[in-house]
Amino acid sequence: MNYLKQFCVIIIFSFLGELCRWLIPYPIPASIYGMVLLFAALSLKIVRVEQLRDGSSFLVSCLPVLFVAPAVSLMACWDQLKNALVPLLVIVLAATVLTFGVAGVVTQWLLGRRKGGSGHA
């Protein structure tokens, strides 16, 4: 029953994200709105991490299964993808490096703020 309550809370935030997507005319996915709302609720202590820990851990453990269908779809489209393989790999590599860099800078800045410093390591 504990999992059911936790899933319901997560689904409620997912629904709120869908509602925001419908109300706000920006091209932002509903899942992003939902995650931002859940983050805000966790930050403001409206929802406590302990209230979602077991259900979210279960969902994360099931996450690899969700990648099976897209992987099969990519294999089915291999003839179309092989011509663009090099540009796609360059884009993915550049996006990964950029994401790591931005995440590192933001993490260092946040840790610096927590310590009361300037944010530089």
N, C-alpha and C. Protein backbone atom coordinates (compact mmCIF):
# COMPACT_ATOMS: atom_id res chain seq x y z
N MET A 1 0.82 -1.19 0.00
CA MET A 1 0.00 0.00 0.00
C MET A 1 0.87 1.27 0.00
N ASN A 2 2.05 1.17 0.62
CA ASN A 2 2.97 2.30 0.68
C ASN A 2 3.40 2.71 -0.73
N TYR A 3 3.70 1.72 -1.59
CA TYR A 3 4.09 2.02 -2.96
C TYR A 3 2.96 2.73 -3.69
N LEU A 4 1.74 2.27 -3.48
CA LEU A 4 0.59 2.86 -4.16
C LEU A 4 0.44 4.34 -3.81
N LYS A 5 0.59 4.69 -2.54
CA LYS A 5 0.51 6.10 -2.13
C LYS A 5 1.61 6.92 -2.79
N GLN A 6 2.82 6.37 -2.80
CA GLN A 6 3.94 7.09 -3.38
C GLN A 6 3.78 7.26 -4.89
N PHE A 7 3.31 6.21 -5.57
CA PHE A 7 3.05 6.32 -7.01
C PHE A 7 1.98 7.37 -7.28
N CYS A 8 0.97 7.42 -6.42
CA CYS A 8 -0.10 8.40 -6.61
C CYS A 8 0.44 9.83 -6.48
N VAL A 9 1.33 10.06 -5.53
CA VAL A 9 1.92 11.40 -5.39
C VAL A 9 2.71 11.75 -6.64
N ILE A 10 3.50 10.81 -7.14
CA ILE A 10 4.29 11.06 -8.35
C ILE A 10 3.36 11.30 -9.54
N ILE A 11 2.30 10.54 -9.65
CA ILE A 11 1.35 10.71 -10.76
C ILE A 11 0.63 12.05 -10.66
N ILE A 12 0.32 12.49 -9.43
CA ILE A 12 -0.31 13.79 -9.25
C ILE A 12 0.59 14.90 -9.80
N PHE A 13 1.89 14.83 -9.50
CA PHE A 13 2.81 15.84 -10.02
C PHE A 13 2.96 15.73 -11.53
N SER A 14 2.89 14.52 -12.05
CA SER A 14 2.90 14.34 -13.49
C SER A 14 1.66 14.98 -14.12
N PHE A 15 0.51 14.78 -13.50
CA PHE A 15 -0.72 15.40 -13.99
C PHE A 15 -0.64 16.92 -13.91
N LEU A 16 -0.08 17.45 -12.81
CA LEU A 16 0.07 18.89 -12.69
C LEU A 16 0.99 19.43 -13.79
N GLY A 17 2.01 18.65 -14.15
CA GLY A 17 2.87 19.03 -15.27
C GLY A 17 2.11 19.08 -16.58
N GLU A 18 1.22 18.10 -16.79
CA GLU A 18 0.38 18.10 -17.99
C GLU A 18 -0.55 19.32 -18.00
N LEU A 19 -1.07 19.64 -16.83
CA LEU A 19 -1.95 20.81 -16.72
C LEU A 19 -1.18 22.10 -17.04
N CYS A 20 0.03 22.22 -16.50
CA CYS A 20 0.86 23.39 -16.80
C CYS A 20 1.17 23.47 -18.29
N ARG A 21 1.45 22.33 -18.90
CA ARG A 21 1.76 22.30 -20.34
C ARG A 21 0.56 22.79 -21.15
N TRP A 22 -0.63 22.45 -20.68
CA TRP A 22 -1.85 22.86 -21.36
C TRP A 22 -2.11 24.35 -21.17
N LEU A 23 -1.80 24.87 -19.96
CA LEU A 23 -2.10 26.26 -19.64
C LEU A 23 -1.04 27.25 -20.10
N ILE A 24 0.21 26.83 -20.10
CA ILE A 24 1.33 27.72 -20.42
C ILE A 24 1.74 27.47 -21.87
N PRO A 25 1.77 28.50 -22.70
CA PRO A 25 2.00 28.30 -24.14
C PRO A 25 3.46 28.15 -24.57
N TYR A 26 4.35 27.75 -23.68
CA TYR A 26 5.76 27.58 -24.05
C TYR A 26 6.01 26.14 -24.47
N PRO A 27 6.97 25.92 -25.37
CA PRO A 27 7.25 24.54 -25.83
C PRO A 27 8.12 23.76 -24.85
N ILE A 28 7.63 23.61 -23.64
CA ILE A 28 8.34 22.87 -22.60
C ILE A 28 7.56 21.59 -22.34
N PRO A 29 8.22 20.43 -22.32
CA PRO A 29 7.51 19.17 -22.08
C PRO A 29 6.82 19.16 -20.71
N ALA A 30 5.69 18.48 -20.64
CA ALA A 30 4.93 18.38 -19.40
C ALA A 30 5.74 17.71 -18.30
N SER A 31 6.61 16.76 -18.67
CA SER A 31 7.41 16.07 -17.65
C SER A 31 8.37 17.04 -16.95
N ILE A 32 8.85 18.04 -17.68
CA ILE A 32 9.74 19.03 -17.07
C ILE A 32 8.96 19.88 -16.08
N TYR A 33 7.78 20.31 -16.48
CA TYR A 33 6.93 21.06 -15.54
C TYR A 33 6.67 20.22 -14.28
N GLY A 34 6.34 18.96 -14.46
CA GLY A 34 6.06 18.09 -13.32
C GLY A 34 7.26 17.94 -12.41
N MET A 35 8.46 17.77 -13.01
CA MET A 35 9.66 17.63 -12.19
C MET A 35 9.97 18.91 -11.43
N VAL A 36 9.78 20.05 -12.08
CA VAL A 36 10.02 21.33 -11.41
C VAL A 36 9.04 21.52 -10.26
N LEU A 37 7.78 21.16 -10.47
CA LEU A 37 6.80 21.27 -9.40
C LEU A 37 7.12 20.32 -8.24
N LEU A 38 7.53 19.10 -8.56
CA LEU A 38 7.91 18.16 -7.51
C LEU A 38 9.15 18.66 -6.76
N PHE A 39 10.12 19.20 -7.49
CA PHE A 39 11.32 19.76 -6.86
C PHE A 39 10.94 20.90 -5.92
N ALA A 40 10.04 21.76 -6.37
CA ALA A 40 9.60 22.88 -5.53
C ALA A 40 8.89 22.35 -4.28
N ALA A 41 8.05 21.35 -4.45
CA ALA A 41 7.33 20.78 -3.29
C ALA A 41 8.31 20.14 -2.32
N LEU A 42 9.33 19.48 -2.83
CA LEU A 42 10.35 18.88 -1.95
C LEU A 42 11.18 19.96 -1.26
N SER A 43 11.53 21.00 -2.00
CA SER A 43 12.34 22.09 -1.43
C SER A 43 11.58 22.85 -0.35
N LEU A 44 10.28 23.03 -0.57
CA LEU A 44 9.46 23.77 0.39
C LEU A 44 8.92 22.87 1.51
N LYS A 45 9.33 21.62 1.48
CA LYS A 45 8.93 20.63 2.50
C LYS A 45 7.42 20.36 2.49
N ILE A 46 6.77 20.62 1.36
CA ILE A 46 5.37 20.24 1.21
C ILE A 46 5.28 18.73 1.11
N VAL A 47 6.24 18.15 0.39
CA VAL A 47 6.39 16.70 0.29
C VAL A 47 7.77 16.38 0.83
N ARG A 48 7.86 15.36 1.67
CA ARG A 48 9.15 14.96 2.23
C ARG A 48 9.73 13.82 1.39
N VAL A 49 11.04 13.77 1.32
CA VAL A 49 11.71 12.73 0.54
C VAL A 49 11.29 11.34 1.04
N GLU A 50 11.14 11.19 2.32
CA GLU A 50 10.77 9.89 2.89
C GLU A 50 9.42 9.42 2.38
N GLN A 51 8.56 10.36 1.99
CA GLN A 51 7.24 10.00 1.48
C GLN A 51 7.31 9.41 0.07
N LEU A 52 8.42 9.56 -0.61
CA LEU A 52 8.55 9.09 -1.98
C LEU A 52 9.71 8.12 -2.19
N ARG A 53 10.52 7.90 -1.17
CA ARG A 53 11.77 7.15 -1.33
C ARG A 53 11.57 5.76 -1.92
N ASP A 54 10.70 4.94 -1.34
CA ASP A 54 10.55 3.56 -1.80
C ASP A 54 9.98 3.48 -3.22
N GLY A 55 8.93 4.23 -3.48
CA GLY A 55 8.31 4.21 -4.80
C GLY A 55 9.23 4.71 -5.89
N SER A 56 9.95 5.79 -5.61
CA SER A 56 10.86 6.33 -6.62
C SER A 56 12.05 5.40 -6.85
N SER A 57 12.53 4.75 -5.80
CA SER A 57 13.63 3.78 -5.96
C SER A 57 13.18 2.61 -6.83
N PHE A 58 11.94 2.17 -6.62
CA PHE A 58 11.41 1.08 -7.45
C PHE A 58 11.32 1.51 -8.91
N LEU A 59 10.82 2.72 -9.15
CA LEU A 59 10.70 3.19 -10.53
C LEU A 59 12.07 3.33 -11.20
N VAL A 60 13.06 3.79 -10.46
CA VAL A 60 14.41 3.91 -11.02
C VAL A 60 14.98 2.53 -11.33
N SER A 61 14.68 1.54 -10.49
CA SER A 61 15.18 0.19 -10.76
C SER A 61 14.54 -0.42 -12.01
N CYS A 62 13.35 0.03 -12.36
CA CYS A 62 12.66 -0.46 -13.57
C CYS A 62 13.03 0.34 -14.82
N LEU A 63 13.76 1.41 -14.66
CA LEU A 63 14.07 2.31 -15.77
C LEU A 63 14.74 1.64 -16.97
N PRO A 64 15.69 0.73 -16.78
CA PRO A 64 16.32 0.11 -17.97
C PRO A 64 15.34 -0.58 -18.90
N VAL A 65 14.27 -1.12 -18.37
CA VAL A 65 13.27 -1.79 -19.21
C VAL A 65 12.64 -0.80 -20.18
N LEU A 66 12.52 0.45 -19.78
CA LEU A 66 11.91 1.46 -20.64
C LEU A 66 12.76 1.81 -21.85
N PHE A 67 14.04 1.43 -21.83
CA PHE A 67 14.92 1.73 -22.96
C PHE A 67 14.92 0.64 -24.02
N VAL A 68 14.25 -0.48 -23.76
CA VAL A 68 14.23 -1.58 -24.72
C VAL A 68 13.50 -1.18 -26.00
N ALA A 69 12.31 -0.63 -25.89
CA ALA A 69 11.54 -0.27 -27.08
C ALA A 69 12.26 0.77 -27.95
N PRO A 70 12.80 1.85 -27.38
CA PRO A 70 13.53 2.79 -28.24
C PRO A 70 14.76 2.16 -28.90
N ALA A 71 15.44 1.26 -28.20
CA ALA A 71 16.61 0.61 -28.79
C ALA A 71 16.21 -0.27 -29.97
N VAL A 72 15.11 -0.98 -29.84
CA VAL A 72 14.62 -1.82 -30.93
C VAL A 72 14.20 -0.94 -32.11
N SER A 73 13.57 0.19 -31.82
CA SER A 73 13.17 1.11 -32.90
C SER A 73 14.39 1.65 -33.64
N LEU A 74 15.45 1.95 -32.90
CA LEU A 74 16.68 2.43 -33.55
C LEU A 74 17.27 1.35 -34.45
N MET A 75 17.25 0.12 -33.99
CA MET A 75 17.79 -0.98 -34.81
C MET A 75 16.94 -1.18 -36.06
N ALA A 76 15.64 -0.99 -35.94
CA ALA A 76 14.75 -1.14 -37.10
C ALA A 76 14.99 -0.04 -38.14
N CYS A 77 15.49 1.11 -37.71
CA CYS A 77 15.74 2.25 -38.61
C CYS A 77 17.21 2.38 -38.97
N TRP A 78 17.98 1.31 -38.80
CA TRP A 78 19.42 1.38 -38.98
C TRP A 78 19.80 1.89 -40.38
N ASP A 79 19.08 1.47 -41.42
CA ASP A 79 19.42 1.91 -42.78
C ASP A 79 19.36 3.42 -42.92
N GLN A 80 18.42 4.05 -42.26
CA GLN A 80 18.29 5.50 -42.32
C GLN A 80 19.31 6.20 -41.43
N LEU A 81 19.66 5.57 -40.31
CA LEU A 81 20.57 6.20 -39.35
C LEU A 81 22.04 6.09 -39.74
N LYS A 82 22.42 5.04 -40.46
CA LYS A 82 23.85 4.84 -40.71
C LYS A 82 24.48 5.97 -41.53
N ASN A 83 23.68 6.64 -42.36
CA ASN A 83 24.21 7.76 -43.14
C ASN A 83 24.52 8.97 -42.26
N ALA A 84 23.82 9.11 -41.16
CA ALA A 84 24.00 10.26 -40.28
C ALA A 84 24.70 9.88 -38.99
N LEU A 85 25.36 8.73 -38.95
CA LEU A 85 25.94 8.23 -37.71
C LEU A 85 27.04 9.15 -37.16
N VAL A 86 27.95 9.59 -38.00
CA VAL A 86 29.05 10.43 -37.52
C VAL A 86 28.53 11.76 -36.98
N PRO A 87 27.67 12.49 -37.70
CA PRO A 87 27.15 13.74 -37.12
C PRO A 87 26.38 13.50 -35.81
N LEU A 88 25.60 12.43 -35.75
CA LEU A 88 24.86 12.13 -34.52
C LEU A 88 25.81 11.86 -33.36
N LEU A 89 26.86 11.09 -33.59
CA LEU A 89 27.83 10.80 -32.52
C LEU A 89 28.54 12.07 -32.07
N VAL A 90 28.88 12.95 -33.00
CA VAL A 90 29.53 14.22 -32.63
C VAL A 90 28.59 15.07 -31.79
N ILE A 91 27.32 15.14 -32.17
CA ILE A 91 26.34 15.92 -31.42
C ILE A 91 26.14 15.34 -30.02
N VAL A 92 26.01 14.02 -29.93
CA VAL A 92 25.82 13.38 -28.62
C VAL A 92 27.05 13.59 -27.74
N LEU A 93 28.23 13.44 -28.30
CA LEU A 93 29.45 13.64 -27.52
C LEU A 93 29.57 15.09 -27.04
N ALA A 94 29.31 16.04 -27.94
CA ALA A 94 29.40 17.46 -27.56
C ALA A 94 28.36 17.80 -26.49
N ALA A 95 27.14 17.29 -26.64
CA ALA A 95 26.09 17.56 -25.66
C ALA A 95 26.44 16.95 -24.31
N THR A 96 27.04 15.76 -24.32
CA THR A 96 27.44 15.11 -23.07
C THR A 96 28.52 15.91 -22.36
N VAL A 97 29.53 16.32 -23.09
CA VAL A 97 30.62 17.11 -22.49
C VAL A 97 30.07 18.44 -21.96
N LEU A 98 29.22 19.09 -22.73
CA LEU A 98 28.62 20.36 -22.29
C LEU A 98 27.78 20.15 -21.02
N THR A 99 27.00 19.07 -20.99
CA THR A 99 26.17 18.78 -19.81
C THR A 99 27.04 18.52 -18.58
N PHE A 100 28.08 17.73 -18.74
CA PHE A 100 28.99 17.48 -17.62
C PHE A 100 29.62 18.78 -17.12
N GLY A 101 30.05 19.62 -18.06
CA GLY A 101 30.68 20.88 -17.68
C GLY A 101 29.73 21.80 -16.93
N VAL A 102 28.53 21.96 -17.45
CA VAL A 102 27.55 22.83 -16.79
C VAL A 102 27.17 22.26 -15.43
N ALA A 103 26.97 20.94 -15.35
CA ALA A 103 26.63 20.33 -14.07
C ALA A 103 27.75 20.52 -13.05
N GLY A 104 29.00 20.41 -13.49
CA GLY A 104 30.13 20.61 -12.59
C GLY A 104 30.22 22.04 -12.08
N VAL A 105 30.04 23.00 -12.98
CA VAL A 105 30.11 24.41 -12.59
C VAL A 105 28.98 24.75 -11.62
N VAL A 106 27.78 24.30 -11.93
CA VAL A 106 26.63 24.58 -11.06
C VAL A 106 26.82 23.91 -9.69
N THR A 107 27.32 22.68 -9.68
CA THR A 107 27.56 21.99 -8.41
C THR A 107 28.59 22.73 -7.58
N GLN A 108 29.68 23.16 -8.19
CA GLN A 108 30.70 23.91 -7.45
C GLN A 108 30.13 25.23 -6.93
N TRP A 109 29.33 25.89 -7.72
CA TRP A 109 28.72 27.15 -7.29
C TRP A 109 27.79 26.91 -6.11
N LEU A 110 26.96 25.86 -6.17
CA LEU A 110 26.05 25.56 -5.07
C LEU A 110 26.80 25.17 -3.80
N LEU A 111 27.86 24.39 -3.95
CA LEU A 111 28.65 24.02 -2.77
C LEU A 111 29.33 25.24 -2.17
N GLY A 112 29.77 26.16 -3.02
CA GLY A 112 30.37 27.40 -2.53
C GLY A 112 29.36 28.25 -1.79
N ARG A 113 28.13 28.29 -2.28
CA ARG A 113 27.07 29.04 -1.60
C ARG A 113 26.74 28.42 -0.25
N ARG A 114 26.73 27.09 -0.19
CA ARG A 114 26.40 26.40 1.06
C ARG A 114 27.46 26.70 2.12
N LYS A 115 28.73 26.77 1.70
CA LYS A 115 29.81 27.05 2.64
C LYS A 115 29.94 28.55 2.94
N GLY A 116 29.22 29.37 2.20
CA GLY A 116 29.29 30.81 2.41
C GLY A 116 30.43 31.46 1.67
N GLY A 117 30.99 30.72 0.71
CA GLY A 117 32.10 31.26 -0.06
C GLY A 117 31.64 31.97 -1.30
N SER A 118 32.57 32.18 -2.21
CA SER A 118 32.27 32.89 -3.44
C SER A 118 31.68 31.98 -4.51
N GLY A 119 31.78 30.67 -4.30
CA GLY A 119 31.26 29.75 -5.29
C GLY A 119 32.32 29.20 -6.21
N HIS A 120 33.55 29.65 -6.07
CA HIS A 120 34.63 29.14 -6.90
C HIS A 120 35.41 28.11 -6.12
N ALA A 121 35.83 27.04 -6.82
CA ALA A 121 36.59 25.97 -6.15
C ALA A 121 38.07 26.27 -6.18
